[in-house]
Amino acid sequence: MDFPGDLPNLRAQFACTEMQADHTQGNTIFLRSDILNGSTYSQEASSLISIKLRTEKQQHRQQISPIMIAAKEIYPKLTPEEYFVWEEKQLEKHEYIDGQVYAMSGGRTRSPVNHGRIAIRFTAMFDAHLEGSGCMTGNSDIKVNIVETNNYTYPDASVTCDDRDKSTPNYFTYPCLIVEVLSDSTEAYDRGGKFRIYSHNPVLQDYLLVSATRIEMDLYHKNDAGEWTIVNYQEGDIIELKSINLSFPVEQVYRGRENDFNENT
């Protein structure tokens, strides 16, 4: 398979992001990345890779911390125990990072209806596929505890097959799969800082980033060597989630909204 674009140009594009090209070998780019604390992972450089994702304006922004995407209201620092009690009384969800809470208002997106419908399609598909397996599917109301910390986030969907998570009804700590439907205001953070904290979970195998404005997904997959690979999928592709042994056409989760995406192209 031919490499999509010349290597010098591709290196320059990666230099505009927080991920720096370290070296290349065949159709694989090995990246040196601050988000993985200096470790390396590979990105499959095939015709499936959407180079435009690396050249869009939002990819030139600096890594965004949670406080940069949260609501402007400042909340007092809480202990984890105080956070759980306090959040039960709130009308909206809040993530909890290093003692600080951040309102999760759904993110600023051009397609809020698509965002919600896509997230629901994933949880329904996972739940049906995993029925009787012992695995559990979490929707956007289920927190994920960042392993070995007291931090909690709200992905759009998640799956755990770890028995340890059966003892914590309000959150998962050991998900094998996490899905985030992208919003304009959170995309850079989901690709950078959020991936960094999720990637330290030894159980996590698949991290799926899903566009709400076009038929497109990026799958971050941890292979048997412990390297993270990124593959871009678009309309007509079959995506494989090895973490739960599930394959499906990319457009399956977008059905019924095709006209919306044609208008956005």
Protein backbone atom coordinates (compact mmCIF):
# COMPACT_ATOMS: atom_id res chain seq x y z
CA MET A 1 0.00 0.00 0.00
CA ASP A 2 1.45 3.36 -0.99
CA PHE A 3 2.21 5.88 1.71
CA PRO A 4 -0.32 8.75 1.59
CA GLY A 5 1.89 11.78 0.93
CA ASP A 6 5.61 12.35 1.07
CA LEU A 7 7.37 11.69 4.37
CA PRO A 8 8.92 15.16 4.85
CA ASN A 9 5.50 16.78 4.43
CA LEU A 10 3.93 14.29 6.82
CA ARG A 11 6.63 14.93 9.41
CA ALA A 12 5.92 18.65 9.11
CA GLN A 13 2.22 18.04 9.70
CA PHE A 14 2.89 15.98 12.81
CA ALA A 15 5.20 18.74 14.05
CA CYS A 16 2.13 21.00 14.19
CA THR A 17 0.57 18.68 16.76
CA GLU A 18 1.76 17.53 20.16
CA MET A 19 3.00 14.29 18.52
CA GLN A 20 6.44 14.39 16.93
CA ALA A 21 7.59 11.88 14.30
CA ASP A 22 10.54 9.90 15.63
CA HIS A 23 11.32 7.59 12.73
CA THR A 24 9.62 5.66 9.96
CA GLN A 25 9.75 2.02 8.95
CA GLY A 26 7.82 0.86 5.92
CA ASN A 27 4.21 1.92 6.27
CA THR A 28 4.48 2.67 9.98
CA ILE A 29 5.36 5.97 11.61
CA PHE A 30 6.83 5.73 15.08
CA LEU A 31 5.97 8.78 17.11
CA ARG A 32 7.66 10.31 20.12
CA SER A 33 4.87 11.78 22.20
CA ASP A 34 4.74 13.86 25.36
CA ILE A 35 1.28 12.48 26.02
CA LEU A 36 2.76 9.04 26.62
CA ASN A 37 5.63 10.33 28.77
CA GLY A 38 8.29 9.72 26.14
CA SER A 39 7.24 6.21 25.13
CA THR A 40 6.58 5.38 21.48
CA TYR A 41 3.60 4.13 19.61
CA SER A 42 2.92 3.59 15.94
CA GLN A 43 0.38 4.98 13.51
CA GLU A 44 -0.57 2.80 10.57
CA ALA A 45 0.18 4.92 7.51
CA SER A 46 -2.13 3.37 4.94
CA SER A 47 -4.70 4.79 2.58
CA LEU A 48 -7.13 4.79 5.49
CA ILE A 49 -5.20 7.49 7.31
CA SER A 50 -6.95 10.80 6.88
CA ILE A 51 -4.14 13.31 6.53
CA LYS A 52 -6.62 16.16 6.62
CA LEU A 53 -7.21 15.40 10.29
CA ARG A 54 -3.64 16.53 10.94
CA THR A 55 -3.94 19.69 8.86
CA GLU A 56 -7.25 21.06 10.11
CA LYS A 57 -6.99 24.24 12.10
CA GLN A 58 -7.98 22.65 15.39
CA GLN A 59 -5.00 20.28 15.17
CA HIS A 60 -2.62 23.27 15.44
CA ARG A 61 -3.92 24.24 18.85
CA GLN A 62 -1.96 23.47 21.97
CA GLN A 63 -2.97 20.59 24.22
CA ILE A 64 -6.06 21.60 26.14
CA SER A 65 -6.41 20.91 29.83
CA PRO A 66 -9.80 20.17 31.43
CA ILE A 67 -10.06 23.68 32.82
CA MET A 68 -9.86 25.12 29.29
CA ILE A 69 -12.97 23.25 28.16
CA ALA A 70 -15.02 23.45 31.33
CA ALA A 71 -17.70 25.95 32.21
CA LYS A 72 -16.37 29.25 33.52
CA GLU A 73 -17.91 28.81 36.96
CA ILE A 74 -15.24 28.07 39.57
CA TYR A 75 -16.05 25.35 42.08
CA PRO A 76 -14.33 24.78 45.43
CA LYS A 77 -11.95 21.85 45.73
CA LEU A 78 -13.57 18.69 47.05
CA THR A 79 -12.42 15.35 48.38
CA PRO A 80 -13.56 12.33 46.32
CA GLU A 81 -16.15 11.53 48.98
CA GLU A 82 -17.46 15.11 48.92
CA TYR A 83 -17.57 15.04 45.13
CA PHE A 84 -19.85 11.99 45.01
CA VAL A 85 -22.24 13.46 47.58
CA TRP A 86 -22.23 16.91 45.96
CA GLU A 87 -22.75 15.67 42.40
CA GLU A 88 -25.86 13.68 43.31
CA LYS A 89 -27.58 17.02 44.00
CA GLN A 90 -26.54 18.67 40.71
CA LEU A 91 -28.60 18.98 37.54
CA GLU A 92 -25.65 18.32 35.25
CA LYS A 93 -22.67 15.97 35.31
CA HIS A 94 -19.21 17.03 36.46
CA GLU A 95 -15.83 15.43 35.90
CA TYR A 96 -13.43 15.37 38.82
CA ILE A 97 -9.72 15.97 38.23
CA ASP A 98 -7.19 16.50 41.04
CA GLY A 99 -9.80 17.75 43.51
CA GLN A 100 -11.44 20.18 41.06
CA VAL A 101 -14.85 19.63 39.45
CA TYR A 102 -15.63 20.61 35.85
CA ALA A 103 -19.14 20.93 34.47
CA MET A 104 -19.83 18.61 31.55
CA SER A 105 -22.32 20.56 29.46
CA GLY A 106 -21.95 18.27 26.45
CA GLY A 107 -19.27 20.32 24.75
CA ARG A 108 -19.79 22.93 22.05
CA THR A 109 -20.78 21.12 18.86
CA ARG A 110 -22.40 21.99 15.57
CA SER A 111 -24.52 18.81 15.74
CA PRO A 112 -25.86 18.17 19.28
CA VAL A 113 -28.62 15.88 17.98
CA ASN A 114 -26.13 13.78 16.04
CA HIS A 115 -23.82 13.67 19.06
CA GLY A 116 -26.53 12.23 21.29
CA ARG A 117 -27.95 9.80 18.73
CA ILE A 118 -24.50 8.43 17.86
CA ALA A 119 -23.67 7.83 21.52
CA ILE A 120 -26.97 5.99 22.04
CA ARG A 121 -26.36 3.82 18.97
CA PHE A 122 -23.00 2.70 20.36
CA THR A 123 -24.33 1.73 23.79
CA ALA A 124 -27.29 -0.15 22.26
CA MET A 125 -25.01 -2.00 19.82
CA PHE A 126 -22.51 -2.93 22.54
CA ASP A 127 -25.22 -4.05 24.95
CA ALA A 128 -26.84 -6.33 22.36
CA HIS A 129 -23.51 -7.77 21.25
CA LEU A 130 -22.34 -8.49 24.80
CA GLU A 131 -25.56 -9.95 26.17
CA GLY A 132 -24.76 -13.00 28.28
CA SER A 133 -21.00 -12.40 28.12
CA GLY A 134 -20.52 -11.02 31.63
CA CYS A 135 -19.27 -7.72 30.23
CA MET A 136 -21.02 -4.45 31.10
CA THR A 137 -21.77 -1.47 28.86
CA GLY A 138 -21.66 2.04 30.28
CA ASN A 139 -23.46 5.03 28.77
CA SER A 140 -22.62 8.71 29.24
CA ASP A 141 -23.98 8.59 32.81
CA ILE A 142 -21.33 6.09 33.94
CA LYS A 143 -18.07 7.54 35.18
CA VAL A 144 -14.65 6.08 34.48
CA ASN A 145 -12.20 6.19 37.36
CA ILE A 146 -8.69 6.88 36.08
CA VAL A 147 -6.75 3.88 37.33
CA GLU A 148 -4.61 4.44 40.46
CA THR A 149 -6.07 7.94 40.96
CA ASN A 150 -9.16 9.55 42.45
CA ASN A 151 -10.01 11.24 39.14
CA TYR A 152 -13.28 10.57 37.31
CA THR A 153 -14.37 11.30 33.73
CA TYR A 154 -17.57 10.79 31.72
CA PRO A 155 -16.95 9.13 28.32
CA ASP A 156 -19.86 8.78 25.91
CA ALA A 157 -19.69 4.98 26.08
CA SER A 158 -17.49 2.36 27.70
CA VAL A 159 -17.27 -1.39 28.17
CA THR A 160 -15.72 -3.37 30.98
CA CYS A 161 -15.25 -7.13 31.18
CA ASP A 162 -13.34 -6.96 34.46
CA ASP A 163 -14.98 -8.55 37.50
CA ARG A 164 -13.50 -5.85 39.74
CA ASP A 165 -15.89 -3.32 38.22
CA LYS A 166 -18.93 -5.30 39.42
CA SER A 167 -18.32 -3.98 42.95
CA THR A 168 -18.53 -0.29 41.97
CA PRO A 169 -22.03 0.51 40.63
CA ASN A 170 -21.33 4.20 39.94
CA TYR A 171 -18.20 3.89 37.83
CA PHE A 172 -15.83 1.63 35.90
CA THR A 173 -12.11 1.52 36.66
CA TYR A 174 -10.97 -1.15 34.21
CA PRO A 175 -12.71 -0.56 30.87
CA CYS A 176 -11.32 -2.36 27.83
CA LEU A 177 -13.10 0.04 25.47
CA ILE A 178 -13.87 3.78 25.67
CA VAL A 179 -15.80 5.82 23.09
CA GLU A 180 -15.82 9.61 22.82
CA VAL A 181 -18.10 11.39 20.33
CA LEU A 182 -16.18 14.51 19.37
CA SER A 183 -17.34 18.06 20.02
CA ASP A 184 -15.76 21.18 18.54
CA SER A 185 -14.71 22.43 21.98
CA THR A 186 -13.29 19.13 23.27
CA GLU A 187 -11.74 17.42 20.23
CA ALA A 188 -8.16 18.54 20.89
CA TYR A 189 -8.42 17.48 24.53
CA ASP A 190 -9.96 14.09 23.63
CA ARG A 191 -7.12 13.42 21.18
CA GLY A 192 -4.37 14.64 23.50
CA GLY A 193 -4.71 15.04 27.24
CA LYS A 194 -7.61 12.68 27.69
CA PHE A 195 -5.95 9.95 25.65
CA ARG A 196 -2.82 10.36 27.73
CA ILE A 197 -4.61 9.69 31.02
CA TYR A 198 -6.68 6.83 29.59
CA SER A 199 -3.65 5.18 27.95
CA HIS A 200 -2.05 4.43 31.33
CA ASN A 201 -4.82 1.95 32.10
CA PRO A 202 -3.27 -1.49 31.45
CA VAL A 203 -6.69 -3.01 30.65
CA LEU A 204 -7.72 -0.49 27.99
CA GLN A 205 -7.33 -1.84 24.45
CA ASP A 206 -9.50 0.41 22.28
CA TYR A 207 -10.14 4.16 22.42
CA LEU A 208 -12.56 5.23 19.69
CA LEU A 209 -13.01 8.87 18.66
CA VAL A 210 -16.15 9.44 16.60
CA SER A 211 -17.01 12.47 14.47
CA ALA A 212 -20.48 13.96 14.86
CA THR A 213 -20.18 16.06 11.70
CA ARG A 214 -18.96 13.51 9.12
CA ILE A 215 -18.96 9.73 8.72
CA GLU A 216 -15.53 9.15 10.20
CA MET A 217 -13.85 7.54 13.22
CA ASP A 218 -10.31 7.24 14.58
CA LEU A 219 -9.49 4.04 16.45
CA TYR A 220 -6.59 4.08 18.92
CA HIS A 221 -5.74 0.41 19.50
CA LYS A 222 -3.09 -1.07 21.78
CA ASN A 223 -1.48 -4.02 20.01
CA ASP A 224 0.13 -7.11 21.54
CA ALA A 225 3.47 -5.30 21.76
CA GLY A 226 1.90 -2.59 23.91
CA GLU A 227 2.14 0.04 21.14
CA TRP A 228 -0.78 2.32 20.36
CA THR A 229 -1.77 2.42 16.69
CA ILE A 230 -4.19 4.89 15.12
CA VAL A 231 -6.33 3.97 12.12
CA ASN A 232 -8.84 6.26 10.46
CA TYR A 233 -12.12 4.78 9.18
CA GLN A 234 -14.58 6.41 6.79
CA GLU A 235 -17.76 5.53 4.93
CA GLY A 236 -17.52 2.06 3.38
CA ASP A 237 -14.98 0.77 5.91
CA ILE A 238 -15.51 -2.05 8.40
CA ILE A 239 -14.19 -1.22 11.85
CA GLU A 240 -12.95 -3.96 14.17
CA LEU A 241 -13.02 -3.55 17.94
CA LYS A 242 -10.79 -6.39 19.10
CA SER A 243 -11.42 -5.53 22.74
CA ILE A 244 -14.96 -6.92 22.50
CA ASN A 245 -14.65 -9.02 19.31
CA LEU A 246 -17.04 -6.81 17.33
CA SER A 247 -16.90 -5.66 13.69
CA PHE A 248 -19.41 -3.36 12.01
CA PRO A 249 -19.74 -0.96 9.05
CA VAL A 250 -18.79 2.57 10.07
CA GLU A 251 -22.01 4.04 8.67
CA GLN A 252 -24.13 1.77 10.90
CA VAL A 253 -24.08 4.27 13.77
CA TYR A 254 -24.90 7.15 11.42
CA ARG A 255 -27.96 5.58 9.77
CA GLY A 256 -30.91 7.89 9.31
CA ARG A 257 -28.75 11.05 9.38
CA GLU A 258 -26.94 10.71 6.06
CA ASN A 259 -28.35 13.99 4.71
CA ASP A 260 -26.87 15.86 7.67
CA PHE A 261 -23.40 14.63 6.80
CA ASN A 262 -23.77 15.32 3.10
CA GLU A 263 -24.56 18.92 4.00
CA ASN A 264 -21.42 19.15 6.17
CA THR A 265 -19.03 17.89 3.48
